[in-house]
Amino acid sequence: MHIVLVEPSRVGIRIMSELLGGWGDKVTAFADGNDAYRFIADHPDVDIVVTSFEAGNMCGLELCWQIRLLAESGRFVYSIAMSSSKEEGKLTEALDAGADEFIRKPPSKTELLARLRSAARYLNSQRELLRLAQTDPLTGLLNRRAFMEQGEASCTASAGGAASVVCLDIDHFKSVNDRFGHDVGDVAICSVADCISSVENAICGRLGGEEYALMLPGVDVGKAHEISSHLRKAVESKLIGSLDEPLCVTCSLGVASSSASHELSVLLKQADIALYDAKRGGRNRVAIFEERLCAA
C-alpha cells in the first residue's frame, strides 16, 4: 500500500515513518497539510492517509474532509486521524470531519498494524464494489453508465482539442445466435470485446447486446479512421471458439470526431448515424460521419 503521513514534527515523522514502513508499505511524509493534499490529488495510487490533527497550513481535520470529497470522483482513500490529546471529543471531531479511523499518538505497533489491516480490507471491498458497478459482467468492458460517465469526463478534459467516438456493431449477430446458440453468441461478444480492449488509450464500453463504443481522447478523424480500420480487420480475422464449423464474425463501425467543444452524447449520435451508413453500404466497413448523412 501507499501511505501518506502528515506530521508537523520531524521527530514524529521519523518515528511514524519507521512504524508505517516496517511492513513493506511505501510511505511518503509531509509536514504540511496543503502539500500533502496536492500530492494525494495528483497520485491516484495513494491508499491511506495518516494525519496528525496539527498539520501545518491545513489542519488534519480539514485534510480528512478534503479526502472525503475525493470519493465523489471514485477515489477511495482511507484516512486515519491521530492526536496526542486525551480529550474524548477528539474522536467525535475526527469522525465528524470525515476520518475513517482515529488513533492516539504515538500509537503502539500492534494497534497501528491492526488499523492498517482494517483499512486494507475496507479499501479492497469498496474497490471491488466499484468494479462490479462499472463493469459489464460478460466482457469486462465498461458498462453503459460507466462509459458515459468516463466519456463525459474525458470530453470535458479535452474541450477545445481533438476527440473521436467510434460505435461498433457485430454484423448479423442474430443469425449467429440462431445458428450456433447463445453460448457461442456470448463467445463472439467476448471475442470482439478483446479486440476492442486492445486499443491503446481508449475508453471502451459495451452499450448493450452486440453494440460497443470507444472514446478516443486527443484523436482526430484521420487517426480514428485508421484505428477503426485496424479494429475491423482484427475482428474479421479472429476465429471464434473451437467449433466443428469455423466461425468468424465481422463488424461495422461509425466514426465521429470533433476539434471544438463537444459533448459525448452528440458524438455518440453522430457515430451511430455513421454506423448505420456503414451497414447500408454493405457491412464490414468503416464510415465517417458527415452532415449529409443526417438527411439520409
Protein backbone atom coordinates (compact mmCIF):
# COMPACT_ATOMS: atom_id res chain seq x y z
CA MET A 1 0.00 0.00 0.00
CA HIS A 2 1.00 3.62 -0.46
CA ILE A 3 0.64 5.56 2.79
CA VAL A 4 0.87 9.33 3.13
CA LEU A 5 1.94 10.54 6.59
CA VAL A 6 1.21 14.11 7.68
CA GLU A 7 3.02 15.13 10.85
CA PRO A 8 4.47 18.58 11.66
CA SER A 9 7.19 17.27 13.97
CA ARG A 10 10.44 15.96 12.48
CA VAL A 11 10.77 13.52 15.36
CA GLY A 12 7.17 12.42 14.82
CA ILE A 13 7.81 11.89 11.10
CA ARG A 14 10.84 9.74 11.86
CA ILE A 15 9.05 7.60 14.46
CA MET A 16 5.85 7.16 12.45
CA SER A 17 7.70 6.51 9.17
CA GLU A 18 9.64 3.71 10.83
CA LEU A 19 6.42 2.22 12.19
CA LEU A 20 4.43 2.55 8.96
CA GLY A 21 7.24 1.35 6.73
CA GLY A 22 8.04 -1.65 8.87
CA TRP A 23 5.64 -3.90 6.92
CA GLY A 24 6.94 -3.13 3.45
CA ASP A 25 4.48 -0.37 2.60
CA LYS A 26 5.54 2.76 0.72
CA VAL A 27 5.46 5.84 2.97
CA THR A 28 5.52 9.47 1.77
CA ALA A 29 5.77 12.01 4.59
CA PHE A 30 4.76 15.67 4.76
CA ALA A 31 4.89 18.30 7.48
CA ASP A 32 2.27 20.49 5.80
CA GLY A 33 -1.35 19.51 5.08
CA ASN A 34 -1.60 21.58 1.89
CA ASP A 35 1.46 19.90 0.40
CA ALA A 36 0.07 16.51 1.38
CA TYR A 37 -3.32 17.18 -0.22
CA ARG A 38 -1.77 18.31 -3.52
CA PHE A 39 0.30 15.13 -3.58
CA ILE A 40 -2.72 12.94 -2.80
CA ALA A 41 -4.83 14.60 -5.50
CA ASP A 42 -2.08 14.09 -8.09
CA HIS A 43 -1.21 10.50 -7.14
CA PRO A 44 -4.13 8.07 -7.51
CA ASP A 45 -2.03 5.23 -6.08
CA VAL A 46 -2.29 6.66 -2.54
CA ASP A 47 -4.30 4.24 -0.38
CA ILE A 48 -4.12 5.53 3.19
CA VAL A 49 -3.51 8.90 4.83
CA VAL A 50 -2.36 9.06 8.44
CA THR A 51 -2.58 12.66 9.61
CA SER A 52 -1.99 14.49 12.84
CA PHE A 53 -4.64 16.99 13.95
CA GLU A 54 -1.92 19.63 13.63
CA ALA A 55 -0.73 19.55 10.02
CA GLY A 56 0.76 22.87 9.01
CA ASN A 57 -1.31 25.26 6.88
CA MET A 58 -4.18 22.77 6.52
CA CYS A 59 -5.22 21.11 9.75
CA GLY A 60 -5.65 17.34 9.84
CA LEU A 61 -9.44 17.56 10.16
CA GLU A 62 -9.72 19.75 7.06
CA LEU A 63 -7.46 17.35 5.21
CA CYS A 64 -9.75 14.44 6.16
CA TRP A 65 -12.73 16.39 4.84
CA GLN A 66 -10.98 17.15 1.54
CA ILE A 67 -10.03 13.49 1.17
CA ARG A 68 -13.65 12.51 1.75
CA LEU A 69 -14.64 14.72 -1.20
CA LEU A 70 -12.30 12.73 -3.45
CA ALA A 71 -14.65 9.77 -3.04
CA GLU A 72 -17.17 11.62 -5.20
CA SER A 73 -14.83 11.13 -8.15
CA GLY A 74 -14.42 7.42 -7.48
CA ARG A 75 -11.26 7.68 -5.37
CA PHE A 76 -11.07 5.55 -2.25
CA VAL A 77 -8.55 6.85 0.26
CA TYR A 78 -8.73 5.68 3.87
CA SER A 79 -7.96 8.44 6.36
CA ILE A 80 -6.71 7.93 9.91
CA ALA A 81 -6.61 10.98 12.18
CA MET A 82 -4.32 10.96 15.19
CA SER A 83 -3.92 13.21 18.20
CA SER A 84 -1.89 13.18 21.41
CA SER A 85 -4.77 14.86 23.24
CA LYS A 86 -6.75 12.72 25.66
CA GLU A 87 -9.92 14.76 25.22
CA GLU A 88 -12.88 12.48 24.48
CA GLY A 89 -14.19 15.00 21.96
CA LYS A 90 -11.24 14.43 19.62
CA LEU A 91 -12.67 11.12 18.42
CA THR A 92 -16.01 12.76 17.62
CA GLU A 93 -14.28 15.65 15.85
CA ALA A 94 -12.25 13.30 13.70
CA LEU A 95 -15.18 11.13 12.62
CA ASP A 96 -17.42 14.15 12.00
CA ALA A 97 -14.70 15.64 9.79
CA GLY A 98 -14.75 12.54 7.58
CA ALA A 99 -11.92 10.48 9.04
CA ASP A 100 -12.41 6.72 8.79
CA GLU A 101 -10.47 5.99 11.95
CA PHE A 102 -8.93 7.72 14.98
CA ILE A 103 -5.87 6.75 16.99
CA ARG A 104 -3.91 8.28 19.86
CA LYS A 105 -0.32 9.15 19.12
CA PRO A 106 2.13 7.75 19.38
CA PRO A 107 0.26 4.51 18.65
CA SER A 108 1.57 1.11 19.60
CA LYS A 109 2.98 -1.00 16.77
CA THR A 110 0.33 -3.71 17.18
CA GLU A 111 -2.55 -1.21 17.21
CA LEU A 112 -1.25 0.58 14.14
CA LEU A 113 -0.86 -2.70 12.23
CA ALA A 114 -4.42 -3.69 13.14
CA ARG A 115 -5.71 -0.32 11.88
CA LEU A 116 -3.82 -0.74 8.61
CA ARG A 117 -5.17 -4.27 8.10
CA SER A 118 -8.69 -2.96 8.70
CA ALA A 119 -8.08 -0.16 6.18
CA ALA A 120 -6.82 -2.63 3.56
CA ARG A 121 -9.92 -4.81 3.95
CA TYR A 122 -12.19 -1.78 3.59
CA LEU A 123 -10.40 -0.45 0.53
CA ASN A 124 -10.42 -3.85 -1.20
CA SER A 125 -14.15 -4.30 -0.63
CA GLN A 126 -15.01 -0.77 -1.79
CA ARG A 127 -12.90 -1.05 -4.93
CA GLU A 128 -14.42 -4.42 -5.77
CA LEU A 129 -17.92 -2.98 -5.37
CA LEU A 130 -16.98 -0.10 -7.66
CA ARG A 131 -15.56 -2.51 -10.23
CA LEU A 132 -18.74 -4.57 -10.21
CA ALA A 133 -20.87 -1.43 -10.55
CA GLN A 134 -18.89 -0.17 -13.55
CA THR A 135 -18.11 -3.37 -15.44
CA ASP A 136 -20.09 -5.35 -17.96
CA PRO A 137 -20.10 -8.84 -16.41
CA LEU A 138 -19.76 -10.72 -19.71
CA THR A 139 -16.93 -8.83 -21.41
CA GLY A 140 -15.15 -6.93 -18.65
CA LEU A 141 -15.55 -3.67 -20.59
CA LEU A 142 -17.21 -0.65 -19.02
CA ASN A 143 -20.98 -0.87 -18.85
CA ARG A 144 -23.11 1.84 -20.47
CA ARG A 145 -23.37 4.01 -17.38
CA ALA A 146 -19.65 3.91 -16.59
CA PHE A 147 -18.76 4.54 -20.23
CA MET A 148 -20.98 7.61 -20.32
CA GLU A 149 -19.52 8.95 -17.05
CA GLN A 150 -15.90 8.42 -18.04
CA GLY A 151 -16.50 9.56 -21.60
CA GLU A 152 -18.16 12.79 -20.47
CA ALA A 153 -15.26 13.47 -18.11
CA SER A 154 -12.82 12.89 -20.97
CA CYS A 155 -14.77 15.23 -23.26
CA THR A 156 -14.68 17.94 -20.60
CA ALA A 157 -10.95 17.48 -20.07
CA SER A 158 -10.20 17.62 -23.82
CA ALA A 159 -12.55 20.52 -24.64
CA GLY A 160 -11.05 22.54 -27.47
CA GLY A 161 -8.86 19.62 -28.57
CA ALA A 162 -9.43 16.66 -30.84
CA ALA A 163 -11.66 13.80 -29.71
CA SER A 164 -13.33 10.92 -31.52
CA VAL A 165 -16.01 8.36 -30.79
CA VAL A 166 -16.39 5.01 -32.56
CA CYS A 167 -19.61 3.00 -32.48
CA LEU A 168 -19.30 -0.67 -33.40
CA ASP A 169 -21.91 -3.33 -34.06
CA ILE A 170 -21.44 -7.05 -34.84
CA ASP A 171 -22.89 -7.81 -38.27
CA HIS A 172 -25.84 -10.23 -38.50
CA PHE A 173 -25.47 -11.18 -34.85
CA LYS A 174 -28.98 -12.62 -34.60
CA SER A 175 -28.05 -15.24 -37.19
CA VAL A 176 -25.06 -16.26 -35.04
CA ASN A 177 -27.36 -16.90 -32.07
CA ASP A 178 -29.96 -18.65 -34.22
CA ARG A 179 -27.44 -20.91 -35.93
CA PHE A 180 -24.95 -21.69 -33.16
CA GLY A 181 -26.81 -20.87 -29.95
CA HIS A 182 -26.49 -18.12 -27.35
CA ASP A 183 -23.43 -19.68 -25.73
CA VAL A 184 -21.48 -19.25 -28.95
CA GLY A 185 -23.00 -15.80 -29.32
CA ASP A 186 -21.54 -14.88 -25.93
CA VAL A 187 -18.14 -16.15 -27.05
CA ALA A 188 -18.40 -13.93 -30.13
CA ILE A 189 -19.31 -10.91 -28.00
CA CYS A 190 -16.30 -11.53 -25.74
CA SER A 191 -14.01 -12.08 -28.74
CA VAL A 192 -14.93 -8.70 -30.22
CA ALA A 193 -14.55 -7.12 -26.77
CA ASP A 194 -10.99 -8.49 -26.57
CA CYS A 195 -10.15 -6.76 -29.85
CA ILE A 196 -11.68 -3.51 -28.62
CA SER A 197 -9.88 -3.58 -25.27
CA SER A 198 -6.53 -3.79 -27.08
CA VAL A 199 -6.94 -0.26 -28.47
CA GLU A 200 -4.48 1.91 -26.56
CA ASN A 201 -5.62 4.96 -24.57
CA ALA A 202 -9.27 4.31 -25.37
CA ILE A 203 -12.30 4.33 -23.09
CA CYS A 204 -14.12 1.16 -24.14
CA GLY A 205 -17.67 0.16 -23.29
CA ARG A 206 -20.34 -2.36 -24.16
CA LEU A 207 -23.52 -0.36 -24.62
CA GLY A 208 -25.77 -3.42 -24.80
CA GLY A 209 -26.21 -6.62 -26.81
CA GLU A 210 -23.69 -6.63 -29.64
CA GLU A 211 -23.14 -2.86 -29.53
CA TYR A 212 -19.90 -1.24 -28.35
CA ALA A 213 -18.38 2.23 -28.23
CA LEU A 214 -14.89 3.68 -27.90
CA MET A 215 -13.96 7.18 -26.77
CA LEU A 216 -10.61 8.29 -28.21
CA PRO A 217 -9.32 11.42 -26.43
CA GLY A 218 -6.92 13.56 -28.43
CA VAL A 219 -7.53 11.57 -31.63
CA ASP A 220 -8.56 13.34 -34.85
CA VAL A 221 -10.76 11.92 -37.59
CA GLY A 222 -7.88 10.56 -39.70
CA LYS A 223 -6.31 8.65 -36.83
CA ALA A 224 -9.73 7.46 -35.63
CA HIS A 225 -10.45 6.03 -39.09
CA GLU A 226 -7.08 4.27 -39.07
CA ILE A 227 -7.74 2.78 -35.63
CA SER A 228 -11.22 1.68 -36.69
CA SER A 229 -9.90 0.03 -39.86
CA HIS A 230 -7.33 -1.96 -37.86
CA LEU A 231 -10.05 -2.94 -35.41
CA ARG A 232 -12.37 -4.10 -38.20
CA LYS A 233 -9.61 -6.30 -39.65
CA ALA A 234 -8.75 -7.70 -36.21
CA VAL A 235 -12.36 -8.76 -35.62
CA GLU A 236 -12.69 -10.25 -39.11
CA SER A 237 -9.53 -12.35 -38.77
CA LYS A 238 -10.36 -13.84 -35.37
CA LEU A 239 -11.65 -17.42 -35.23
CA ILE A 240 -14.43 -17.84 -32.67
CA GLY A 241 -14.19 -20.81 -30.34
CA SER A 242 -13.25 -24.38 -31.32
CA LEU A 243 -16.27 -25.30 -33.40
CA ASP A 244 -16.51 -28.11 -35.94
CA GLU A 245 -17.67 -25.41 -38.32
CA PRO A 246 -15.26 -22.43 -38.10
CA LEU A 247 -16.99 -19.18 -37.22
CA CYS A 248 -15.76 -15.69 -37.89
CA VAL A 249 -17.77 -12.52 -37.36
CA THR A 250 -17.46 -9.10 -38.91
CA CYS A 251 -18.39 -5.68 -37.63
CA SER A 252 -19.49 -2.30 -38.93
CA LEU A 253 -18.08 0.88 -37.43
CA GLY A 254 -19.09 4.53 -37.40
CA VAL A 255 -16.67 7.34 -36.56
CA ALA A 256 -17.43 10.86 -35.36
CA SER A 257 -14.78 13.44 -34.49
CA SER A 258 -14.55 17.00 -33.29
CA SER A 259 -11.80 19.54 -32.74
CA ALA A 260 -14.06 22.03 -30.98
CA SER A 261 -16.16 21.91 -27.83
CA HIS A 262 -18.05 18.65 -27.85
CA GLU A 263 -20.44 16.56 -25.81
CA LEU A 264 -20.25 12.79 -25.67
CA SER A 265 -23.97 12.45 -26.42
CA VAL A 266 -23.55 14.44 -29.65
CA LEU A 267 -20.51 12.47 -30.79
CA LEU A 268 -22.26 9.19 -29.97
CA LYS A 269 -25.29 10.17 -32.02
CA GLN A 270 -23.12 11.17 -34.96
CA ALA A 271 -21.06 7.96 -34.73
CA ASP A 272 -24.28 5.95 -34.62
CA ILE A 273 -25.52 7.67 -37.79
CA ALA A 274 -22.21 6.80 -39.48
CA LEU A 275 -22.52 3.21 -38.22
CA TYR A 276 -25.85 2.78 -39.96
CA ASP A 277 -24.34 4.26 -43.12
CA ALA A 278 -21.69 1.52 -42.92
CA LYS A 279 -24.44 -1.07 -42.61
CA ARG A 280 -26.33 0.37 -45.58
CA GLY A 281 -23.10 0.27 -47.56
CA GLY A 282 -22.74 -3.50 -47.18
CA ARG A 283 -21.46 -4.00 -43.61
CA ASN A 284 -17.95 -4.98 -42.54
CA ARG A 285 -16.73 -1.47 -43.23
CA VAL A 286 -15.94 1.86 -41.55
CA ALA A 287 -17.94 5.03 -42.22
CA ILE A 288 -17.18 8.58 -41.09
CA PHE A 289 -19.94 10.95 -40.02
CA GLU A 290 -20.80 13.70 -42.47
CA GLU A 291 -23.60 16.23 -42.21
CA ARG A 292 -25.22 14.87 -45.38
CA LEU A 293 -25.97 11.62 -43.55
CA CYS A 294 -28.45 13.42 -41.29
CA ALA A 295 -30.77 13.81 -44.27
CA ALA A 296 -30.31 10.24 -45.49
